[in-house]
Amino acid sequence: MQVILASASPARLSVLRAAGLDPLVEVSDVDEDAVLDSLPGASPAHAVTALARAKAHAVARRLGSTNAVLIGCDSMLSIGGELVGKPGTVEVARARWARMAGRTGELVTGHAVLRLSAGDIVDEAAAHAGTTVRFGSPSEAELDAYLNSGEPLAVAGAFTLDGLGGWFVDGIDGDPSTVIGISLPLTRTLLAKVGVVVTDLWKSRD
């Protein structure tokens, strides 16, 4: 069965490959802001799960007659009562880090798994996972260097755990793969709910 990842995230792809899968990447064209605008007052869990489902369904609609399992994800950081995604600019990322440094936040990731038969969605499951992140306090020079690297501009919460941002994370409480962008334990659970055993998806190591 083909595994399809409805995400442009190289970190998610890397996690799945390291865990034995070889997914085909199909990036959705979902307008994330429009989805969030349609959910006023939604909890962080509801918001990211809705985004994950929207991305998975968008990709499913444009696939042909195929048998596959499709995985959609979306991550955001909940800190100080605010849910934030990718900062996009150095200025926004700097402001985020001014709030994050020395504090804790929750990286929340929504997951949606669809099982396709001949191109039709025959089953689906969705849920979220959250992990507490304890942020360090980078010096002004360290933060400048990090922002100038460009890494934090295109990732949820303006940080990574598995890249340069890992230097500025003091610790986490929960599943590290959630922080990277896709929870392996939760994905395994959702696969089982749609009748797929994760070990059947492992690529051959011959």
N, C-alpha and C. Protein backbone atom coordinates (compact mmCIF):
# COMPACT_ATOMS: atom_id res chain seq x y z
N MET A 1 0.85 -1.19 0.00
CA MET A 1 0.00 0.00 0.00
C MET A 1 0.89 1.24 0.00
N GLN A 2 0.60 2.18 -0.89
CA GLN A 2 1.36 3.40 -0.97
C GLN A 2 1.06 4.30 0.23
N VAL A 3 2.09 4.89 0.78
CA VAL A 3 1.94 5.88 1.85
C VAL A 3 2.14 7.26 1.22
N ILE A 4 1.20 8.17 1.47
CA ILE A 4 1.28 9.52 0.92
C ILE A 4 1.30 10.51 2.08
N LEU A 5 2.27 11.41 2.06
CA LEU A 5 2.38 12.44 3.08
C LEU A 5 1.90 13.76 2.49
N ALA A 6 0.82 14.31 3.04
CA ALA A 6 0.25 15.56 2.54
C ALA A 6 0.90 16.73 3.26
N SER A 7 2.19 16.89 3.08
CA SER A 7 2.94 17.93 3.78
C SER A 7 4.23 18.22 3.04
N ALA A 8 4.61 19.49 3.01
CA ALA A 8 5.87 19.88 2.40
C ALA A 8 7.03 19.82 3.39
N SER A 9 6.75 19.46 4.64
CA SER A 9 7.76 19.51 5.69
C SER A 9 8.86 18.46 5.50
N PRO A 10 10.10 18.88 5.29
CA PRO A 10 11.19 17.91 5.20
C PRO A 10 11.43 17.19 6.52
N ALA A 11 11.10 17.84 7.64
CA ALA A 11 11.28 17.21 8.95
C ALA A 11 10.32 16.04 9.11
N ARG A 12 9.05 16.22 8.70
CA ARG A 12 8.09 15.12 8.80
C ARG A 12 8.51 13.95 7.91
N LEU A 13 8.95 14.28 6.71
CA LEU A 13 9.39 13.25 5.79
C LEU A 13 10.58 12.49 6.37
N SER A 14 11.51 13.21 6.99
CA SER A 14 12.68 12.58 7.58
C SER A 14 12.30 11.65 8.73
N VAL A 15 11.33 12.07 9.56
CA VAL A 15 10.89 11.24 10.68
C VAL A 15 10.29 9.94 10.14
N LEU A 16 9.43 10.02 9.14
CA LEU A 16 8.80 8.83 8.60
C LEU A 16 9.80 7.91 7.92
N ARG A 17 10.75 8.48 7.20
CA ARG A 17 11.76 7.66 6.54
C ARG A 17 12.63 6.95 7.57
N ALA A 18 13.01 7.66 8.62
CA ALA A 18 13.83 7.04 9.67
C ALA A 18 13.07 5.93 10.38
N ALA A 19 11.73 6.03 10.36
CA ALA A 19 10.89 5.05 11.04
C ALA A 19 10.42 3.93 10.11
N GLY A 20 11.04 3.84 8.94
CA GLY A 20 10.79 2.68 8.08
C GLY A 20 9.81 2.87 6.94
N LEU A 21 9.25 4.07 6.79
CA LEU A 21 8.31 4.30 5.69
C LEU A 21 9.01 5.03 4.54
N ASP A 22 8.42 4.95 3.36
CA ASP A 22 8.96 5.64 2.19
C ASP A 22 7.82 6.37 1.49
N PRO A 23 7.31 7.45 2.10
CA PRO A 23 6.11 8.09 1.59
C PRO A 23 6.35 8.91 0.32
N LEU A 24 5.30 8.97 -0.48
CA LEU A 24 5.23 9.90 -1.61
C LEU A 24 4.73 11.22 -1.05
N VAL A 25 5.37 12.32 -1.40
CA VAL A 25 4.98 13.63 -0.89
C VAL A 25 4.04 14.32 -1.89
N GLU A 26 2.88 14.71 -1.40
CA GLU A 26 1.91 15.48 -2.19
C GLU A 26 1.50 16.68 -1.35
N VAL A 27 1.93 17.86 -1.73
CA VAL A 27 1.66 19.06 -0.94
C VAL A 27 0.27 19.59 -1.24
N SER A 28 -0.49 19.90 -0.21
CA SER A 28 -1.84 20.43 -0.40
C SER A 28 -1.77 21.91 -0.77
N ASP A 29 -2.90 22.42 -1.29
CA ASP A 29 -2.98 23.85 -1.62
C ASP A 29 -3.95 24.55 -0.68
N VAL A 30 -4.09 24.03 0.51
CA VAL A 30 -5.05 24.57 1.48
C VAL A 30 -4.64 25.96 1.94
N ASP A 31 -5.61 26.86 2.00
CA ASP A 31 -5.41 28.20 2.54
C ASP A 31 -5.59 28.09 4.06
N GLU A 32 -4.47 28.00 4.77
CA GLU A 32 -4.53 27.77 6.21
C GLU A 32 -5.25 28.89 6.95
N ASP A 33 -5.00 30.13 6.53
CA ASP A 33 -5.66 31.26 7.19
C ASP A 33 -7.17 31.19 7.03
N ALA A 34 -7.63 30.78 5.85
CA ALA A 34 -9.07 30.68 5.62
C ALA A 34 -9.69 29.61 6.52
N VAL A 35 -8.99 28.49 6.68
CA VAL A 35 -9.50 27.43 7.55
C VAL A 35 -9.60 27.95 8.99
N LEU A 36 -8.55 28.62 9.46
CA LEU A 36 -8.57 29.13 10.83
C LEU A 36 -9.62 30.21 11.01
N ASP A 37 -9.81 31.06 9.99
CA ASP A 37 -10.83 32.11 10.08
C ASP A 37 -12.24 31.53 10.19
N SER A 38 -12.40 30.30 9.67
CA SER A 38 -13.72 29.65 9.72
C SER A 38 -13.97 28.98 11.07
N LEU A 39 -12.98 29.04 11.96
CA LEU A 39 -13.09 28.37 13.26
C LEU A 39 -12.84 29.36 14.41
N PRO A 40 -13.61 30.43 14.48
CA PRO A 40 -13.37 31.41 15.55
C PRO A 40 -13.56 30.78 16.93
N GLY A 41 -12.61 31.04 17.80
CA GLY A 41 -12.70 30.53 19.15
C GLY A 41 -12.34 29.08 19.31
N ALA A 42 -11.85 28.44 18.24
CA ALA A 42 -11.50 27.02 18.32
C ALA A 42 -10.31 26.81 19.25
N SER A 43 -10.31 25.69 19.95
CA SER A 43 -9.17 25.34 20.80
C SER A 43 -7.97 25.01 19.92
N PRO A 44 -6.75 25.08 20.46
CA PRO A 44 -5.58 24.69 19.66
C PRO A 44 -5.71 23.29 19.07
N ALA A 45 -6.22 22.34 19.86
CA ALA A 45 -6.37 20.97 19.38
C ALA A 45 -7.32 20.90 18.20
N HIS A 46 -8.46 21.59 18.31
CA HIS A 46 -9.45 21.60 17.24
C HIS A 46 -8.88 22.26 15.99
N ALA A 47 -8.18 23.36 16.16
CA ALA A 47 -7.66 24.11 15.02
C ALA A 47 -6.65 23.30 14.21
N VAL A 48 -5.67 22.71 14.89
CA VAL A 48 -4.64 21.98 14.15
C VAL A 48 -5.19 20.69 13.55
N THR A 49 -6.16 20.07 14.22
CA THR A 49 -6.75 18.85 13.66
C THR A 49 -7.58 19.18 12.43
N ALA A 50 -8.29 20.30 12.47
CA ALA A 50 -9.06 20.73 11.30
C ALA A 50 -8.13 21.02 10.12
N LEU A 51 -7.01 21.65 10.38
CA LEU A 51 -6.04 21.94 9.32
C LEU A 51 -5.47 20.65 8.73
N ALA A 52 -5.16 19.69 9.60
CA ALA A 52 -4.62 18.41 9.12
C ALA A 52 -5.64 17.70 8.23
N ARG A 53 -6.91 17.69 8.65
CA ARG A 53 -7.95 17.06 7.85
C ARG A 53 -8.14 17.78 6.52
N ALA A 54 -8.11 19.10 6.54
CA ALA A 54 -8.28 19.87 5.31
C ALA A 54 -7.17 19.56 4.31
N LYS A 55 -5.95 19.45 4.81
CA LYS A 55 -4.82 19.15 3.93
C LYS A 55 -4.94 17.74 3.35
N ALA A 56 -5.28 16.79 4.19
CA ALA A 56 -5.40 15.40 3.73
C ALA A 56 -6.51 15.28 2.68
N HIS A 57 -7.64 15.90 2.94
CA HIS A 57 -8.76 15.81 2.00
C HIS A 57 -8.45 16.53 0.69
N ALA A 58 -7.73 17.64 0.76
CA ALA A 58 -7.37 18.37 -0.46
C ALA A 58 -6.50 17.51 -1.37
N VAL A 59 -5.55 16.80 -0.79
CA VAL A 59 -4.70 15.92 -1.58
C VAL A 59 -5.49 14.73 -2.11
N ALA A 60 -6.36 14.16 -1.27
CA ALA A 60 -7.15 13.00 -1.68
C ALA A 60 -8.02 13.32 -2.89
N ARG A 61 -8.55 14.55 -2.94
CA ARG A 61 -9.45 14.92 -4.03
C ARG A 61 -8.76 14.92 -5.39
N ARG A 62 -7.45 15.16 -5.40
CA ARG A 62 -6.79 15.25 -6.70
C ARG A 62 -6.01 13.98 -7.08
N LEU A 63 -6.08 12.97 -6.24
CA LEU A 63 -5.45 11.71 -6.58
C LEU A 63 -6.35 10.89 -7.50
N GLY A 64 -5.74 10.10 -8.34
CA GLY A 64 -6.51 9.23 -9.21
C GLY A 64 -6.94 7.97 -8.49
N SER A 65 -7.25 6.95 -9.27
CA SER A 65 -7.67 5.67 -8.70
C SER A 65 -6.47 4.98 -8.08
N THR A 66 -6.37 5.07 -6.77
CA THR A 66 -5.20 4.52 -6.09
C THR A 66 -5.58 3.91 -4.77
N ASN A 67 -4.82 2.92 -4.35
CA ASN A 67 -4.96 2.35 -3.01
C ASN A 67 -3.81 2.90 -2.17
N ALA A 68 -4.14 3.61 -1.13
CA ALA A 68 -3.10 4.29 -0.37
C ALA A 68 -3.58 4.64 1.02
N VAL A 69 -2.64 4.97 1.87
CA VAL A 69 -2.95 5.58 3.15
C VAL A 69 -2.32 6.97 3.11
N LEU A 70 -3.11 7.96 3.43
CA LEU A 70 -2.69 9.36 3.28
C LEU A 70 -2.63 10.00 4.66
N ILE A 71 -1.52 10.68 4.94
CA ILE A 71 -1.30 11.29 6.26
C ILE A 71 -1.18 12.80 6.10
N GLY A 72 -2.03 13.53 6.81
CA GLY A 72 -1.96 14.99 6.84
C GLY A 72 -1.63 15.46 8.24
N CYS A 73 -0.85 16.53 8.33
CA CYS A 73 -0.45 17.07 9.64
C CYS A 73 -0.41 18.59 9.61
N ASP A 74 -0.58 19.17 10.77
CA ASP A 74 -0.34 20.60 10.92
C ASP A 74 0.07 20.87 12.36
N SER A 75 1.05 21.74 12.52
CA SER A 75 1.57 22.05 13.87
C SER A 75 1.49 23.54 14.15
N MET A 76 1.20 23.87 15.40
CA MET A 76 1.23 25.25 15.86
C MET A 76 1.70 25.25 17.32
N LEU A 77 2.19 26.40 17.75
CA LEU A 77 2.65 26.55 19.12
C LEU A 77 1.63 27.34 19.92
N SER A 78 1.23 26.79 21.05
CA SER A 78 0.33 27.49 21.96
C SER A 78 1.18 28.05 23.11
N ILE A 79 1.21 29.37 23.21
CA ILE A 79 2.01 30.00 24.27
C ILE A 79 1.32 31.27 24.74
N GLY A 80 1.20 31.39 26.03
CA GLY A 80 0.57 32.58 26.60
C GLY A 80 -0.86 32.78 26.13
N GLY A 81 -1.57 31.69 25.84
CA GLY A 81 -2.95 31.81 25.40
C GLY A 81 -3.11 32.11 23.92
N GLU A 82 -2.01 32.18 23.18
CA GLU A 82 -2.06 32.47 21.74
C GLU A 82 -1.57 31.28 20.95
N LEU A 83 -2.21 31.00 19.83
CA LEU A 83 -1.82 29.92 18.94
C LEU A 83 -1.10 30.53 17.75
N VAL A 84 0.17 30.14 17.55
CA VAL A 84 0.97 30.75 16.48
C VAL A 84 1.54 29.67 15.57
N GLY A 85 1.67 30.03 14.30
CA GLY A 85 2.23 29.11 13.31
C GLY A 85 3.59 29.58 12.84
N LYS A 86 3.80 29.58 11.53
CA LYS A 86 5.08 29.99 10.95
C LYS A 86 5.17 31.52 10.97
N PRO A 87 6.26 32.08 11.45
CA PRO A 87 6.35 33.54 11.54
C PRO A 87 6.49 34.24 10.18
N GLY A 88 7.22 33.63 9.26
CA GLY A 88 7.32 34.20 7.92
C GLY A 88 8.37 35.29 7.75
N THR A 89 8.55 36.14 8.76
CA THR A 89 9.54 37.23 8.67
C THR A 89 10.42 37.24 9.91
N VAL A 90 11.59 37.86 9.77
CA VAL A 90 12.52 37.98 10.89
C VAL A 90 11.88 38.77 12.02
N GLU A 91 11.15 39.81 11.68
CA GLU A 91 10.55 40.67 12.70
C GLU A 91 9.54 39.90 13.55
N VAL A 92 8.70 39.11 12.90
CA VAL A 92 7.71 38.33 13.65
C VAL A 92 8.41 37.25 14.48
N ALA A 93 9.41 36.60 13.90
CA ALA A 93 10.14 35.56 14.64
C ALA A 93 10.84 36.15 15.86
N ARG A 94 11.40 37.34 15.72
CA ARG A 94 12.07 37.98 16.86
C ARG A 94 11.07 38.29 17.97
N ALA A 95 9.90 38.78 17.59
CA ALA A 95 8.87 39.08 18.59
C ALA A 95 8.41 37.80 19.28
N ARG A 96 8.30 36.71 18.51
CA ARG A 96 7.90 35.43 19.12
C ARG A 96 8.93 35.00 20.15
N TRP A 97 10.20 35.09 19.79
CA TRP A 97 11.24 34.64 20.71
C TRP A 97 11.32 35.53 21.95
N ALA A 98 10.95 36.79 21.82
CA ALA A 98 10.92 37.67 22.99
C ALA A 98 9.90 37.16 24.01
N ARG A 99 8.82 36.53 23.52
CA ARG A 99 7.81 35.97 24.41
C ARG A 99 8.16 34.57 24.88
N MET A 100 8.85 33.80 24.02
CA MET A 100 9.12 32.40 24.32
C MET A 100 10.30 32.19 25.25
N ALA A 101 11.32 33.02 25.15
CA ALA A 101 12.57 32.79 25.87
C ALA A 101 12.34 32.64 27.37
N GLY A 102 12.85 31.54 27.92
CA GLY A 102 12.74 31.28 29.35
C GLY A 102 11.36 30.82 29.80
N ARG A 103 10.46 30.56 28.84
CA ARG A 103 9.10 30.16 29.19
C ARG A 103 8.81 28.76 28.63
N THR A 104 7.59 28.31 28.89
CA THR A 104 7.16 27.03 28.32
C THR A 104 5.98 27.27 27.39
N GLY A 105 5.87 26.42 26.40
CA GLY A 105 4.74 26.45 25.48
C GLY A 105 4.38 25.02 25.12
N GLU A 106 3.26 24.86 24.42
CA GLU A 106 2.86 23.53 23.98
C GLU A 106 2.84 23.49 22.46
N LEU A 107 3.65 22.60 21.90
CA LEU A 107 3.64 22.38 20.45
C LEU A 107 2.53 21.37 20.18
N VAL A 108 1.51 21.80 19.46
CA VAL A 108 0.33 20.98 19.20
C VAL A 108 0.30 20.59 17.73
N THR A 109 0.18 19.31 17.45
CA THR A 109 0.16 18.82 16.08
C THR A 109 -1.12 18.03 15.82
N GLY A 110 -1.84 18.44 14.78
CA GLY A 110 -3.02 17.71 14.35
C GLY A 110 -2.63 16.66 13.33
N HIS A 111 -3.27 15.51 13.40
CA HIS A 111 -2.99 14.39 12.50
C HIS A 111 -4.29 13.89 11.89
N ALA A 112 -4.26 13.61 10.60
CA ALA A 112 -5.41 13.00 9.93
C ALA A 112 -4.89 11.89 9.03
N VAL A 113 -5.50 10.72 9.13
CA VAL A 113 -5.11 9.57 8.32
C VAL A 113 -6.33 9.11 7.51
N LEU A 114 -6.18 9.05 6.20
CA LEU A 114 -7.24 8.58 5.31
C LEU A 114 -6.79 7.29 4.64
N ARG A 115 -7.69 6.33 4.54
CA ARG A 115 -7.40 5.13 3.75
C ARG A 115 -8.20 5.19 2.46
N LEU A 116 -7.49 5.07 1.35
CA LEU A 116 -8.09 5.19 0.04
C LEU A 116 -8.13 3.84 -0.66
N SER A 117 -9.25 3.55 -1.30
CA SER A 117 -9.39 2.36 -2.11
C SER A 117 -9.93 2.78 -3.47
N ALA A 118 -9.15 2.52 -4.52
CA ALA A 118 -9.52 2.96 -5.88
C ALA A 118 -9.81 4.46 -5.91
N GLY A 119 -9.07 5.21 -5.09
CA GLY A 119 -9.22 6.65 -5.07
C GLY A 119 -10.30 7.18 -4.15
N ASP A 120 -11.14 6.30 -3.61
CA ASP A 120 -12.21 6.73 -2.70
C ASP A 120 -11.77 6.63 -1.25
N ILE A 121 -12.20 7.59 -0.43
CA ILE A 121 -11.91 7.54 1.01
C ILE A 121 -12.85 6.52 1.64
N VAL A 122 -12.28 5.44 2.15
CA VAL A 122 -13.11 4.38 2.74
C VAL A 122 -13.07 4.40 4.26
N ASP A 123 -12.10 5.12 4.83
CA ASP A 123 -12.03 5.23 6.29
C ASP A 123 -11.12 6.39 6.63
N GLU A 124 -11.33 6.98 7.79
CA GLU A 124 -10.45 8.06 8.23
C GLU A 124 -10.47 8.18 9.74
N ALA A 125 -9.40 8.73 10.26
CA ALA A 125 -9.28 8.97 11.70
C ALA A 125 -8.43 10.21 11.90
N ALA A 126 -8.73 10.99 12.92
CA ALA A 126 -7.98 12.21 13.18
C ALA A 126 -7.90 12.46 14.68
N ALA A 127 -6.81 13.08 15.09
CA ALA A 127 -6.61 13.41 16.51
C ALA A 127 -5.44 14.38 16.58
N HIS A 128 -5.09 14.76 17.80
CA HIS A 128 -3.96 15.67 17.98
C HIS A 128 -3.05 15.14 19.08
N ALA A 129 -1.84 15.67 19.10
CA ALA A 129 -0.89 15.36 20.18
C ALA A 129 -0.19 16.66 20.57
N GLY A 130 0.11 16.78 21.84
CA GLY A 130 0.79 17.99 22.30
C GLY A 130 1.98 17.64 23.19
N THR A 131 3.02 18.45 23.07
CA THR A 131 4.23 18.25 23.87
C THR A 131 4.66 19.59 24.45
N THR A 132 4.95 19.61 25.73
CA THR A 132 5.42 20.84 26.38
C THR A 132 6.88 21.08 26.04
N VAL A 133 7.19 22.31 25.66
CA VAL A 133 8.55 22.70 25.29
C VAL A 133 9.04 23.75 26.28
N ARG A 134 10.21 23.51 26.86
CA ARG A 134 10.82 24.47 27.78
C ARG A 134 11.93 25.21 27.01
N PHE A 135 11.68 26.48 26.73
CA PHE A 135 12.60 27.25 25.92
C PHE A 135 13.74 27.84 26.74
N GLY A 136 14.92 27.86 26.16
CA GLY A 136 16.05 28.53 26.78
C GLY A 136 16.00 30.02 26.49
N SER A 137 17.05 30.71 26.90
CA SER A 137 17.12 32.16 26.70
C SER A 137 18.39 32.49 25.92
N PRO A 138 18.30 32.46 24.57
CA PRO A 138 19.48 32.78 23.77
C PRO A 138 19.91 34.22 23.97
N SER A 139 21.21 34.45 23.88
CA SER A 139 21.72 35.82 23.96
C SER A 139 21.27 36.58 22.71
N GLU A 140 21.43 37.87 22.73
CA GLU A 140 21.05 38.69 21.58
C GLU A 140 21.82 38.26 20.34
N ALA A 141 23.12 37.99 20.51
CA ALA A 141 23.94 37.58 19.37
C ALA A 141 23.51 36.21 18.86
N GLU A 142 23.19 35.30 19.78
CA GLU A 142 22.75 33.96 19.37
C GLU A 142 21.42 34.04 18.63
N LEU A 143 20.50 34.87 19.13
CA LEU A 143 19.20 35.00 18.48
C LEU A 143 19.35 35.63 17.10
N ASP A 144 20.21 36.64 17.00
CA ASP A 144 20.45 37.25 15.68
C ASP A 144 20.96 36.20 14.68
N ALA A 145 21.90 35.40 15.13
CA ALA A 145 22.46 34.38 14.24
C ALA A 145 21.39 33.36 13.84
N TYR A 146 20.55 32.99 14.79
CA TYR A 146 19.50 32.02 14.49
C TYR A 146 18.49 32.59 13.51
N LEU A 147 18.06 33.81 13.75
CA LEU A 147 17.10 34.43 12.85
C LEU A 147 17.69 34.61 11.45
N ASN A 148 18.95 35.00 11.39
CA ASN A 148 19.61 35.20 10.09
C ASN A 148 19.83 33.90 9.33
N SER A 149 19.77 32.77 10.03
CA SER A 149 19.91 31.48 9.36
C SER A 149 18.70 31.17 8.47
N GLY A 150 17.58 31.82 8.77
CA GLY A 150 16.36 31.59 8.02
C GLY A 150 15.54 30.42 8.52
N GLU A 151 16.12 29.55 9.33
CA GLU A 151 15.41 28.35 9.77
C GLU A 151 14.10 28.63 10.49
N PRO A 152 14.08 29.57 11.45
CA PRO A 152 12.85 29.72 12.23
C PRO A 152 11.70 30.38 11.48
N LEU A 153 11.94 30.92 10.32
CA LEU A 153 10.90 31.67 9.62
C LEU A 153 9.80 30.79 9.05
N ALA A 154 10.13 29.53 8.72
CA ALA A 154 9.18 28.67 8.03
C ALA A 154 8.74 27.47 8.85
N VAL A 155 8.88 27.55 10.18
CA VAL A 155 8.49 26.43 11.03
C VAL A 155 7.57 26.92 12.15
N ALA A 156 6.68 26.06 12.56
CA ALA A 156 5.70 26.42 13.59
C ALA A 156 6.40 26.85 14.87
N GLY A 157 5.99 28.02 15.39
CA GLY A 157 6.54 28.49 16.64
C GLY A 157 7.91 29.13 16.53
N ALA A 158 8.47 29.22 15.32
CA ALA A 158 9.77 29.86 15.09
C ALA A 158 10.93 29.12 15.72
N PHE A 159 10.82 27.78 15.81
CA PHE A 159 11.93 27.00 16.34
C PHE A 159 11.85 25.58 15.81
N THR A 160 12.97 24.88 15.87
CA THR A 160 13.01 23.45 15.59
C THR A 160 13.65 22.75 16.79
N LEU A 161 13.35 21.47 16.90
CA LEU A 161 14.02 20.66 17.91
C LEU A 161 15.19 19.90 17.29
N ASP A 162 15.04 19.55 16.02
CA ASP A 162 16.02 18.69 15.34
C ASP A 162 16.97 19.46 14.45
N GLY A 163 17.00 20.79 14.58
CA GLY A 163 17.90 21.61 13.77
C GLY A 163 18.66 22.60 14.63
N LEU A 164 18.93 23.77 14.08
CA LEU A 164 19.67 24.79 14.82
C LEU A 164 18.93 25.22 16.09
N GLY A 165 17.61 25.20 16.02
CA GLY A 165 16.83 25.64 17.19
C GLY A 165 16.99 24.76 18.40
N GLY A 166 17.46 23.52 18.20
CA GLY A 166 17.65 22.61 19.32
C GLY A 166 18.62 23.14 20.38
N TRP A 167 19.51 24.04 19.97
CA TRP A 167 20.44 24.64 20.93
C TRP A 167 19.72 25.50 21.96
N PHE A 168 18.52 25.94 21.64
CA PHE A 168 17.80 26.90 22.50
C PHE A 168 16.55 26.30 23.12
N VAL A 169 16.49 24.96 23.15
CA VAL A 169 15.39 24.27 23.83
C VAL A 169 15.98 23.54 25.03
N ASP A 170 15.57 23.93 26.22
CA ASP A 170 16.14 23.34 27.44
C ASP A 170 15.60 21.94 27.71
N GLY A 171 14.41 21.64 27.23
CA GLY A 171 13.85 20.31 27.44
C GLY A 171 12.42 20.24 26.95
N ILE A 172 11.91 19.02 26.89
CA ILE A 172 10.52 18.81 26.51
C ILE A 172 9.89 17.80 27.45
N ASP A 173 8.58 17.85 27.55
CA ASP A 173 7.82 16.86 28.32
C ASP A 173 6.79 16.26 27.36
N GLY A 174 7.09 15.06 26.87
CA GLY A 174 6.21 14.42 25.92
C GLY A 174 6.98 13.77 24.78
N ASP A 175 6.29 13.53 23.69
CA ASP A 175 6.84 12.83 22.54
C ASP A 175 7.67 13.77 21.67
N PRO A 176 8.98 13.52 21.50
CA PRO A 176 9.80 14.42 20.69
C PRO A 176 9.38 14.48 19.23
N SER A 177 8.84 13.38 18.68
CA SER A 177 8.45 13.40 17.27
C SER A 177 7.29 14.36 17.02
N THR A 178 6.47 14.61 18.05
CA THR A 178 5.40 15.60 17.91
C THR A 178 5.98 16.98 17.66
N VAL A 179 7.05 17.31 18.38
CA VAL A 179 7.68 18.62 18.23
C VAL A 179 8.27 18.77 16.83
N ILE A 180 8.80 17.69 16.30
CA ILE A 180 9.38 17.73 14.94
C ILE A 180 8.27 17.86 13.91
N GLY A 181 7.06 17.41 14.24
CA GLY A 181 5.95 17.65 13.33
C GLY A 181 5.01 16.50 13.08
N ILE A 182 5.38 15.28 13.49
CA ILE A 182 4.48 14.14 13.33
C ILE A 182 4.75 13.14 14.44
N SER A 183 3.72 12.85 15.21
CA SER A 183 3.86 11.92 16.33
C SER A 183 3.78 10.49 15.83
N LEU A 184 4.86 9.74 15.99
CA LEU A 184 4.83 8.34 15.56
C LEU A 184 3.83 7.51 16.38
N PRO A 185 3.77 7.65 17.70
CA PRO A 185 2.79 6.86 18.46
C PRO A 185 1.35 7.16 18.03
N LEU A 186 1.03 8.44 17.85
CA LEU A 186 -0.34 8.79 17.46
C LEU A 186 -0.63 8.33 16.03
N THR A 187 0.33 8.48 15.14
CA THR A 187 0.12 8.04 13.76
C THR A 187 -0.13 6.54 13.70
N ARG A 188 0.62 5.77 14.49
CA ARG A 188 0.40 4.32 14.55
C ARG A 188 -1.01 4.01 15.03
N THR A 189 -1.47 4.73 16.04
CA THR A 189 -2.82 4.53 16.56
C THR A 189 -3.88 4.84 15.50
N LEU A 190 -3.70 5.94 14.78
CA LEU A 190 -4.67 6.33 13.75
C LEU A 190 -4.66 5.36 12.58
N LEU A 191 -3.47 4.87 12.21
CA LEU A 191 -3.40 3.86 11.16
C LEU A 191 -4.20 2.62 11.56
N ALA A 192 -4.04 2.20 12.81
CA ALA A 192 -4.78 1.03 13.28
C ALA A 192 -6.29 1.26 13.22
N LYS A 193 -6.72 2.49 13.48
CA LYS A 193 -8.15 2.79 13.45
C LYS A 193 -8.74 2.68 12.05
N VAL A 194 -7.89 2.86 11.02
CA VAL A 194 -8.39 2.72 9.65
C VAL A 194 -8.01 1.36 9.06
N GLY A 195 -7.59 0.44 9.94
CA GLY A 195 -7.34 -0.93 9.52
C GLY A 195 -5.98 -1.19 8.90
N VAL A 196 -5.00 -0.34 9.22
CA VAL A 196 -3.66 -0.51 8.65
C VAL A 196 -2.67 -0.77 9.78
N VAL A 197 -1.88 -1.82 9.66
CA VAL A 197 -0.84 -2.14 10.63
C VAL A 197 0.46 -1.48 10.18
N VAL A 198 1.04 -0.66 11.04
CA VAL A 198 2.19 0.13 10.61
C VAL A 198 3.35 -0.73 10.13
N THR A 199 3.55 -1.88 10.74
CA THR A 199 4.69 -2.71 10.33
C THR A 199 4.52 -3.25 8.90
N ASP A 200 3.26 -3.30 8.43
CA ASP A 200 3.05 -3.73 7.03
C ASP A 200 3.51 -2.66 6.04
N LEU A 201 3.72 -1.44 6.54
CA LEU A 201 4.14 -0.34 5.67
C LEU A 201 5.64 -0.14 5.62
N TRP A 202 6.35 -0.85 6.50
CA TRP A 202 7.80 -0.68 6.53
C TRP A 202 8.40 -1.10 5.20
N LYS A 203 9.33 -0.28 4.72
CA LYS A 203 9.99 -0.61 3.46
C LYS A 203 10.98 -1.73 3.67
N SER A 204 11.25 -2.47 2.61
CA SER A 204 12.18 -3.59 2.68
C SER A 204 13.58 -3.07 2.96
N ARG A 205 14.30 -3.77 3.81
CA ARG A 205 15.69 -3.39 4.10
C ARG A 205 16.68 -4.33 3.44
N ASP A 206 16.23 -5.04 2.42
CA ASP A 206 17.13 -5.95 1.70
C ASP A 206 18.19 -5.16 0.95
